[in-house]
């Protein structure tokens, strides 16, 4: 949800818990994680600790800075701004900075590669404003981190977190065309009676110009790209808004504000997804680097009242144990 909400602490906790299993684990990041100091906020960060036999994928630049003993399993031909991607296995426990693939497609390929190498579970470390790894077409489960770094008051933190939670719980649209729709990279389609009609809309910004053609094949529309406030405002103003069903691939394609979404839904419009993510839990950080803080129990209780998933303060759990 924001920087300093405890994502790295959560990652380390999950990795530590997996030590007691016999699963083969791999880990990578779609951003950069494991640095001692945050490059944006200049605050101290927890480092990523990997156990023996864990596979990891990072850039050449950060691989050279590792503080562990490892063997290289593969060196990719793909070049990033930080060099090629290195896939390695830990021979002796230590610390590493993770900076893996930056694209959703490459993450998918990496997970498949890990499975082929005998890996049971691949963990993808996320990044602020990078929702794509949380797509159910990429990963099988999602842990969301949130906390007081988001805002100086508890009510705002809870409201913002609740909104993201609500996006993950949008109803699924059932259709036999689901797989075909997931493959669509662009365009707007009318969905009905087992058929998919691509509409002649050059851009979502030009909806008004194509108003007469938008509903020529029914009121259920599949938007293969992202949904924005402007789109919802347009559909909210239509006379047939109560009959309109907008379908997107998943919640990572939704970039709207709570006010606009609630306005669209209150008017009778519906927003649905092809695939709903498997939100496993929320992890919290009740303290902000700016000094704002509440007790762990206060934040857990407030969030527990508005979300239907477990809420953990893993740092407190670790300290208590």
Foldseek 3Di string as FASTA:
>chain_A
DDPPFCLLVVVQLVQVVCVPDPFAEEEAELAKAADQADPVPRHGDHGHKHAAFHKYKAAPQFVVVWPFDWDWDDWDPDADPRGTITIIGTHHIGTTMHHHHNDLVVLQVVVVVCVVVVGDYYYYRYDPPGCSCQQCVRDQEDEAGFECQVDQDLVVRLVVVLVLLVQLVAAADDAPCLVVLQPDQFAKWDDDDRDTHGFPDPDLVCCVVCVVGPAPPHQEMEGAAADELVNLVVLLPDPVLLRHEYEYAGSSRYDYDPVSVVSSVVSNHGYHHNDRHHYAEYEGDQAHPVGRGDDPVVNQVSNVVRHDHHYYHVVVVVVVD
